[in-house]
C-alpha cells in the first residue's frame, strides 16, 4: 500500500511584497467583536480574511456586510488598478483609530462630541511578473 502525503493549498506570506494602504471612515461604532476579528486578520491571506469575516461576524449581519463590502472594494481596486491576482493578496496590517470631530461651539470637556472610527488596511501583494 502506497501512502501519499496530502497537499493542501499553502498560501504563505510572501518574502518580497508591496503594500497599498486604504483608509475607511466608519460612521457607526465598531463592535468589540468586529475589532478583535479585524485584529486577528494580520498576515492572513485575503481569501481567508474574507472567510473569517463572513463566518465570525455572522451574528452581526449589518457589520458583516459592511466589512465584506470594504474588503471587496479593496480587492477590486487592487485587481483593476494594479493587475494583481486575487490569490496574491494578504492582509499586512489593520488598525482602528478613533477621532473626535471638533466643534468650536462646544467646550473641550463636553460629552456631546461625535466620534468617528477610521479603519486603516495595509494590503500586501506580490507581483508574479514585475511590470516594466
N, C-alpha and C. Protein backbone atom coordinates (compact mmCIF):
# COMPACT_ATOMS: atom_id res chain seq x y z
N UNK A 1 0.84 -1.17 0.00
CA UNK A 1 0.00 0.00 0.00
C UNK A 1 0.89 1.24 0.00
N UNK A 2 0.64 2.12 -0.93
CA UNK A 2 1.43 3.34 -1.06
C UNK A 2 0.68 4.49 -0.39
N UNK A 3 1.33 5.16 0.51
CA UNK A 3 0.73 6.33 1.16
C UNK A 3 1.19 7.59 0.47
N UNK A 4 0.26 8.41 0.13
CA UNK A 4 0.60 9.70 -0.47
C UNK A 4 0.33 10.79 0.56
N UNK A 5 1.24 11.70 0.62
CA UNK A 5 1.04 12.84 1.52
C UNK A 5 -0.01 13.75 0.92
N UNK A 6 -0.88 14.22 1.75
CA UNK A 6 -1.92 15.13 1.31
C UNK A 6 -1.34 16.54 1.22
N UNK A 7 -1.51 17.15 0.06
CA UNK A 7 -1.02 18.50 -0.12
C UNK A 7 -2.19 19.47 -0.05
N UNK A 8 -2.06 20.46 0.80
CA UNK A 8 -3.09 21.46 0.92
C UNK A 8 -2.59 22.75 0.32
N UNK A 9 -3.53 23.59 -0.02
CA UNK A 9 -3.20 24.88 -0.59
C UNK A 9 -2.50 25.72 0.48
N UNK A 10 -1.24 25.96 0.28
CA UNK A 10 -0.46 26.73 1.24
C UNK A 10 -0.27 28.14 0.69
N UNK A 11 -0.86 29.08 1.36
CA UNK A 11 -0.76 30.47 0.94
C UNK A 11 0.07 31.22 1.97
N UNK A 12 1.36 31.09 1.87
CA UNK A 12 2.27 31.70 2.83
C UNK A 12 2.52 33.15 2.47
N UNK A 13 2.76 33.94 3.49
CA UNK A 13 3.05 35.35 3.29
C UNK A 13 4.32 35.47 2.46
N UNK A 14 4.29 36.30 1.42
CA UNK A 14 5.46 36.37 0.51
C UNK A 14 6.67 37.02 1.17
N UNK A 15 7.85 36.66 0.68
CA UNK A 15 9.09 37.26 1.19
C UNK A 15 9.30 38.64 0.59
N UNK A 16 8.92 38.82 -0.65
CA UNK A 16 9.06 40.10 -1.33
C UNK A 16 7.66 40.59 -1.69
N UNK A 17 7.30 41.75 -1.16
CA UNK A 17 5.94 42.23 -1.39
C UNK A 17 5.89 43.75 -1.44
N UNK A 18 4.77 44.26 -1.92
CA UNK A 18 4.47 45.68 -1.95
C UNK A 18 3.29 45.92 -1.02
N UNK A 19 3.11 47.15 -0.58
CA UNK A 19 2.00 47.48 0.32
C UNK A 19 1.18 48.62 -0.27
N UNK A 20 -0.13 48.47 -0.19
CA UNK A 20 -1.06 49.52 -0.57
C UNK A 20 -1.92 49.79 0.66
N UNK A 21 -2.06 51.06 1.05
CA UNK A 21 -2.79 51.43 2.26
C UNK A 21 -4.15 52.03 1.89
N UNK A 22 -5.17 51.60 2.62
CA UNK A 22 -6.53 52.10 2.43
C UNK A 22 -7.04 52.63 3.76
N UNK A 23 -7.67 53.80 3.74
CA UNK A 23 -8.28 54.39 4.93
C UNK A 23 -9.78 54.49 4.71
N UNK A 24 -10.55 53.94 5.64
CA UNK A 24 -12.00 53.92 5.52
C UNK A 24 -12.60 54.55 6.77
N UNK A 25 -13.54 55.45 6.56
CA UNK A 25 -14.21 56.10 7.67
C UNK A 25 -15.49 55.33 7.99
N UNK A 26 -15.64 54.95 9.24
CA UNK A 26 -16.85 54.27 9.69
C UNK A 26 -17.67 55.25 10.51
N UNK A 27 -18.87 55.51 10.07
CA UNK A 27 -19.72 56.45 10.78
C UNK A 27 -20.49 55.78 11.92
N UNK A 28 -20.41 54.47 12.00
CA UNK A 28 -21.04 53.73 13.08
C UNK A 28 -19.96 53.14 13.98
N UNK A 29 -20.30 52.96 15.23
CA UNK A 29 -19.34 52.36 16.15
C UNK A 29 -19.09 50.91 15.76
N UNK A 30 -17.83 50.53 15.82
CA UNK A 30 -17.45 49.16 15.51
C UNK A 30 -17.49 48.36 16.81
N UNK A 31 -18.15 47.23 16.77
CA UNK A 31 -18.31 46.41 17.97
C UNK A 31 -16.98 45.82 18.41
N UNK A 32 -16.86 45.50 19.69
CA UNK A 32 -15.63 44.85 20.18
C UNK A 32 -15.36 43.52 19.47
N UNK A 33 -16.41 42.77 19.13
CA UNK A 33 -16.24 41.52 18.39
C UNK A 33 -15.59 41.78 17.04
N UNK A 34 -16.10 42.76 16.32
CA UNK A 34 -15.55 43.09 15.00
C UNK A 34 -14.11 43.58 15.11
N UNK A 35 -13.82 44.37 16.13
CA UNK A 35 -12.45 44.86 16.33
C UNK A 35 -11.49 43.70 16.56
N UNK A 36 -11.89 42.75 17.37
CA UNK A 36 -10.99 41.63 17.65
C UNK A 36 -10.83 40.75 16.40
N UNK A 37 -11.88 40.59 15.61
CA UNK A 37 -11.78 39.81 14.38
C UNK A 37 -10.85 40.51 13.40
N UNK A 38 -10.99 41.82 13.26
CA UNK A 38 -10.12 42.57 12.35
C UNK A 38 -8.66 42.47 12.78
N UNK A 39 -8.40 42.53 14.09
CA UNK A 39 -7.03 42.44 14.58
C UNK A 39 -6.44 41.05 14.30
N UNK A 40 -7.27 40.03 14.25
CA UNK A 40 -6.79 38.67 14.02
C UNK A 40 -6.45 38.40 12.55
N UNK A 41 -6.76 39.33 11.66
CA UNK A 41 -6.55 39.12 10.24
C UNK A 41 -5.13 39.43 9.77
N UNK A 42 -4.30 39.95 10.64
CA UNK A 42 -2.95 40.34 10.26
C UNK A 42 -2.16 39.15 9.73
N UNK A 43 -1.53 39.33 8.58
CA UNK A 43 -0.71 38.35 7.88
C UNK A 43 -1.50 37.17 7.32
N UNK A 44 -2.80 37.32 7.21
CA UNK A 44 -3.63 36.27 6.62
C UNK A 44 -3.81 36.52 5.13
N UNK A 45 -3.97 35.45 4.42
CA UNK A 45 -4.28 35.57 3.00
C UNK A 45 -5.65 36.23 2.86
N UNK A 46 -5.80 37.03 1.83
CA UNK A 46 -7.02 37.81 1.64
C UNK A 46 -8.26 36.92 1.61
N UNK A 47 -8.17 35.80 0.94
CA UNK A 47 -9.31 34.88 0.84
C UNK A 47 -9.73 34.41 2.23
N UNK A 48 -8.77 34.06 3.07
CA UNK A 48 -9.09 33.59 4.42
C UNK A 48 -9.65 34.72 5.28
N UNK A 49 -9.19 35.94 5.05
CA UNK A 49 -9.73 37.08 5.79
C UNK A 49 -11.21 37.26 5.48
N UNK A 50 -11.58 37.17 4.20
CA UNK A 50 -13.00 37.27 3.82
C UNK A 50 -13.81 36.15 4.46
N UNK A 51 -13.24 34.97 4.48
CA UNK A 51 -13.91 33.82 5.08
C UNK A 51 -14.14 34.04 6.57
N UNK A 52 -13.13 34.53 7.27
CA UNK A 52 -13.26 34.81 8.71
C UNK A 52 -14.34 35.86 8.97
N UNK A 53 -14.33 36.93 8.21
CA UNK A 53 -15.33 37.98 8.39
C UNK A 53 -16.73 37.41 8.15
N UNK A 54 -16.86 36.64 7.11
CA UNK A 54 -18.16 36.10 6.74
C UNK A 54 -18.73 35.19 7.83
N UNK A 55 -17.90 34.32 8.38
CA UNK A 55 -18.40 33.36 9.36
C UNK A 55 -18.41 33.89 10.79
N UNK A 56 -17.37 34.61 11.17
CA UNK A 56 -17.28 35.05 12.56
C UNK A 56 -18.20 36.23 12.87
N UNK A 57 -18.52 37.02 11.85
CA UNK A 57 -19.45 38.14 12.07
C UNK A 57 -20.87 37.79 11.62
N UNK A 58 -21.15 36.52 11.45
CA UNK A 58 -22.48 36.10 11.04
C UNK A 58 -23.57 36.55 12.01
N UNK A 59 -23.32 36.58 13.34
CA UNK A 59 -24.36 37.06 14.26
C UNK A 59 -24.67 38.56 14.10
N UNK A 60 -23.79 39.30 13.47
CA UNK A 60 -23.98 40.75 13.26
C UNK A 60 -24.03 41.03 11.76
N UNK A 61 -25.15 40.78 11.10
CA UNK A 61 -25.19 40.87 9.64
C UNK A 61 -24.90 42.26 9.08
N UNK A 62 -25.28 43.30 9.78
CA UNK A 62 -25.02 44.66 9.27
C UNK A 62 -23.52 44.93 9.25
N UNK A 63 -22.84 44.60 10.34
CA UNK A 63 -21.39 44.78 10.41
C UNK A 63 -20.66 43.85 9.44
N UNK A 64 -21.11 42.61 9.36
CA UNK A 64 -20.52 41.65 8.43
C UNK A 64 -20.58 42.17 7.00
N UNK A 65 -21.75 42.63 6.60
CA UNK A 65 -21.91 43.13 5.23
C UNK A 65 -21.08 44.39 4.98
N UNK A 66 -20.97 45.25 6.00
CA UNK A 66 -20.16 46.46 5.89
C UNK A 66 -18.69 46.11 5.63
N UNK A 67 -18.16 45.17 6.41
CA UNK A 67 -16.75 44.79 6.24
C UNK A 67 -16.52 43.98 4.97
N UNK A 68 -17.46 43.14 4.60
CA UNK A 68 -17.32 42.42 3.33
C UNK A 68 -17.32 43.38 2.15
N UNK A 69 -18.13 44.42 2.25
CA UNK A 69 -18.15 45.45 1.19
C UNK A 69 -16.82 46.19 1.12
N UNK A 70 -16.27 46.55 2.27
CA UNK A 70 -14.97 47.23 2.32
C UNK A 70 -13.89 46.36 1.69
N UNK A 71 -13.79 45.12 2.13
CA UNK A 71 -12.73 44.24 1.64
C UNK A 71 -12.91 43.91 0.16
N UNK A 72 -14.14 43.77 -0.28
CA UNK A 72 -14.38 43.53 -1.70
C UNK A 72 -13.97 44.74 -2.53
N UNK A 73 -14.27 45.93 -2.05
CA UNK A 73 -13.87 47.15 -2.76
C UNK A 73 -12.36 47.28 -2.85
N UNK A 74 -11.68 46.95 -1.77
CA UNK A 74 -10.22 46.98 -1.75
C UNK A 74 -9.66 46.00 -2.77
N UNK A 75 -10.20 44.79 -2.80
CA UNK A 75 -9.71 43.77 -3.72
C UNK A 75 -9.95 44.18 -5.18
N UNK A 76 -11.12 44.72 -5.46
CA UNK A 76 -11.42 45.15 -6.83
C UNK A 76 -10.51 46.29 -7.25
N UNK A 77 -10.24 47.23 -6.33
CA UNK A 77 -9.34 48.34 -6.65
C UNK A 77 -7.95 47.81 -7.02
N UNK A 78 -7.43 46.91 -6.21
CA UNK A 78 -6.08 46.39 -6.45
C UNK A 78 -6.04 45.56 -7.73
N UNK A 79 -7.08 44.79 -7.97
CA UNK A 79 -7.12 43.98 -9.19
C UNK A 79 -7.20 44.86 -10.44
N UNK A 80 -8.05 45.87 -10.40
CA UNK A 80 -8.25 46.71 -11.58
C UNK A 80 -7.10 47.68 -11.83
N UNK A 81 -6.57 48.28 -10.79
CA UNK A 81 -5.56 49.33 -10.96
C UNK A 81 -4.12 48.82 -10.97
N UNK A 82 -3.88 47.70 -10.33
CA UNK A 82 -2.51 47.19 -10.25
C UNK A 82 -2.35 45.84 -10.94
N UNK A 83 -3.44 45.31 -11.48
CA UNK A 83 -3.43 44.00 -12.16
C UNK A 83 -2.87 42.89 -11.27
N UNK A 84 -3.30 42.89 -10.03
CA UNK A 84 -2.86 41.88 -9.06
C UNK A 84 -3.90 40.78 -8.98
N UNK A 85 -3.43 39.55 -9.00
CA UNK A 85 -4.29 38.39 -8.86
C UNK A 85 -4.84 38.33 -7.44
N UNK A 86 -6.08 37.90 -7.32
CA UNK A 86 -6.75 37.79 -6.02
C UNK A 86 -5.95 36.90 -5.06
N UNK A 87 -5.27 35.89 -5.58
CA UNK A 87 -4.53 34.96 -4.73
C UNK A 87 -3.13 35.46 -4.39
N UNK A 88 -2.80 36.67 -4.79
CA UNK A 88 -1.50 37.27 -4.46
C UNK A 88 -1.66 38.42 -3.47
N UNK A 89 -2.76 38.42 -2.68
CA UNK A 89 -3.02 39.49 -1.72
C UNK A 89 -3.09 38.93 -0.30
N UNK A 90 -2.50 39.68 0.63
CA UNK A 90 -2.52 39.34 2.05
C UNK A 90 -2.85 40.59 2.85
N UNK A 91 -3.40 40.38 4.03
CA UNK A 91 -3.61 41.49 4.95
C UNK A 91 -2.29 41.67 5.71
N UNK A 92 -1.67 42.81 5.55
CA UNK A 92 -0.40 43.06 6.26
C UNK A 92 -0.68 43.61 7.65
N UNK A 93 -1.59 44.57 7.70
CA UNK A 93 -1.86 45.22 8.99
C UNK A 93 -3.24 45.87 8.93
N UNK A 94 -3.94 45.84 10.04
CA UNK A 94 -5.22 46.56 10.18
C UNK A 94 -5.20 47.24 11.54
N UNK A 95 -5.57 48.51 11.55
CA UNK A 95 -5.75 49.16 12.84
C UNK A 95 -6.89 50.16 12.76
N UNK A 96 -7.47 50.43 13.92
CA UNK A 96 -8.65 51.30 14.03
C UNK A 96 -8.27 52.49 14.89
N UNK A 97 -8.57 53.67 14.38
CA UNK A 97 -8.28 54.91 15.09
C UNK A 97 -9.57 55.65 15.35
N UNK A 98 -9.77 56.05 16.58
CA UNK A 98 -10.96 56.82 16.93
C UNK A 98 -10.61 58.30 16.92
N UNK A 99 -11.40 59.09 16.19
CA UNK A 99 -11.14 60.51 16.06
C UNK A 99 -12.42 61.26 16.42
N UNK A 100 -12.27 62.30 17.23
CA UNK A 100 -13.44 63.12 17.56
C UNK A 100 -13.50 64.31 16.62
N UNK A 101 -14.70 64.69 16.29
CA UNK A 101 -14.87 65.86 15.42
C UNK A 101 -14.95 67.10 16.31
N UNK A 102 -14.07 68.05 16.06
CA UNK A 102 -14.10 69.25 16.90
C UNK A 102 -15.29 70.15 16.53
N UNK A 103 -15.88 70.71 17.54
CA UNK A 103 -16.96 71.67 17.34
C UNK A 103 -16.58 72.92 18.11
N UNK A 104 -16.38 73.99 17.39
CA UNK A 104 -15.88 75.21 18.05
C UNK A 104 -16.88 75.82 19.01
N UNK A 105 -18.13 75.38 18.97
CA UNK A 105 -19.14 75.93 19.87
C UNK A 105 -19.25 75.13 21.17
N UNK A 106 -18.58 74.02 21.22
CA UNK A 106 -18.59 73.21 22.43
C UNK A 106 -17.28 73.36 23.18
N UNK A 107 -17.38 73.28 24.47
CA UNK A 107 -16.15 73.31 25.26
C UNK A 107 -15.44 71.96 25.14
N UNK A 108 -14.16 71.95 25.41
CA UNK A 108 -13.36 70.73 25.23
C UNK A 108 -13.82 69.58 26.11
N UNK A 109 -14.32 69.86 27.28
CA UNK A 109 -14.71 68.79 28.19
C UNK A 109 -16.18 68.38 28.01
N UNK A 110 -16.78 68.77 26.95
CA UNK A 110 -18.18 68.45 26.69
C UNK A 110 -18.34 66.97 26.34
N UNK A 111 -19.46 66.40 26.73
CA UNK A 111 -19.75 64.99 26.43
C UNK A 111 -20.48 64.83 25.10
N UNK A 112 -20.74 65.91 24.40
CA UNK A 112 -21.52 65.85 23.17
C UNK A 112 -20.65 65.74 21.92
N UNK A 113 -19.42 65.38 22.04
CA UNK A 113 -18.56 65.24 20.87
C UNK A 113 -18.96 64.02 20.05
N UNK A 114 -18.80 64.13 18.75
CA UNK A 114 -19.05 63.00 17.87
C UNK A 114 -17.73 62.30 17.60
N UNK A 115 -17.76 60.98 17.59
CA UNK A 115 -16.56 60.19 17.33
C UNK A 115 -16.75 59.37 16.06
N UNK A 116 -15.71 59.35 15.27
CA UNK A 116 -15.68 58.51 14.08
C UNK A 116 -14.51 57.56 14.23
N UNK A 117 -14.67 56.40 13.65
CA UNK A 117 -13.58 55.44 13.66
C UNK A 117 -13.07 55.27 12.24
N UNK A 118 -11.76 55.34 12.11
CA UNK A 118 -11.11 55.15 10.81
C UNK A 118 -10.41 53.80 10.82
N UNK A 119 -10.70 53.03 9.80
CA UNK A 119 -10.09 51.71 9.65
C UNK A 119 -8.98 51.84 8.61
N UNK A 120 -7.79 51.48 8.99
CA UNK A 120 -6.66 51.51 8.06
C UNK A 120 -6.28 50.08 7.74
N UNK A 121 -6.32 49.76 6.45
CA UNK A 121 -5.97 48.43 5.98
C UNK A 121 -4.72 48.55 5.13
N UNK A 122 -3.68 47.84 5.53
CA UNK A 122 -2.45 47.78 4.73
C UNK A 122 -2.45 46.42 4.05
N UNK A 123 -2.63 46.46 2.75
CA UNK A 123 -2.73 45.24 1.96
C UNK A 123 -1.38 44.94 1.32
N UNK A 124 -0.86 43.77 1.56
CA UNK A 124 0.39 43.34 0.94
C UNK A 124 0.05 42.53 -0.30
N UNK A 125 0.84 42.73 -1.33
CA UNK A 125 0.61 41.95 -2.55
C UNK A 125 1.95 41.66 -3.19
N UNK A 126 2.01 40.50 -3.83
CA UNK A 126 3.21 40.15 -4.56
C UNK A 126 2.87 40.21 -6.04
N UNK A 127 3.84 40.64 -6.80
CA UNK A 127 3.67 40.72 -8.24
C UNK A 127 4.40 39.55 -8.85
N UNK A 128 3.65 38.67 -9.50
CA UNK A 128 4.27 37.49 -10.07
C UNK A 128 5.23 37.86 -11.20
N UNK A 129 4.87 38.88 -11.96
CA UNK A 129 5.75 39.38 -13.02
C UNK A 129 5.87 40.88 -12.83
N UNK A 130 7.07 41.34 -12.62
CA UNK A 130 7.28 42.77 -12.45
C UNK A 130 6.95 43.50 -13.74
N UNK A 131 6.22 44.62 -13.61
CA UNK A 131 5.89 45.43 -14.78
C UNK A 131 7.08 46.27 -15.17
N UNK A 132 7.25 46.46 -16.46
CA UNK A 132 8.37 47.27 -16.94
C UNK A 132 7.87 48.57 -17.49
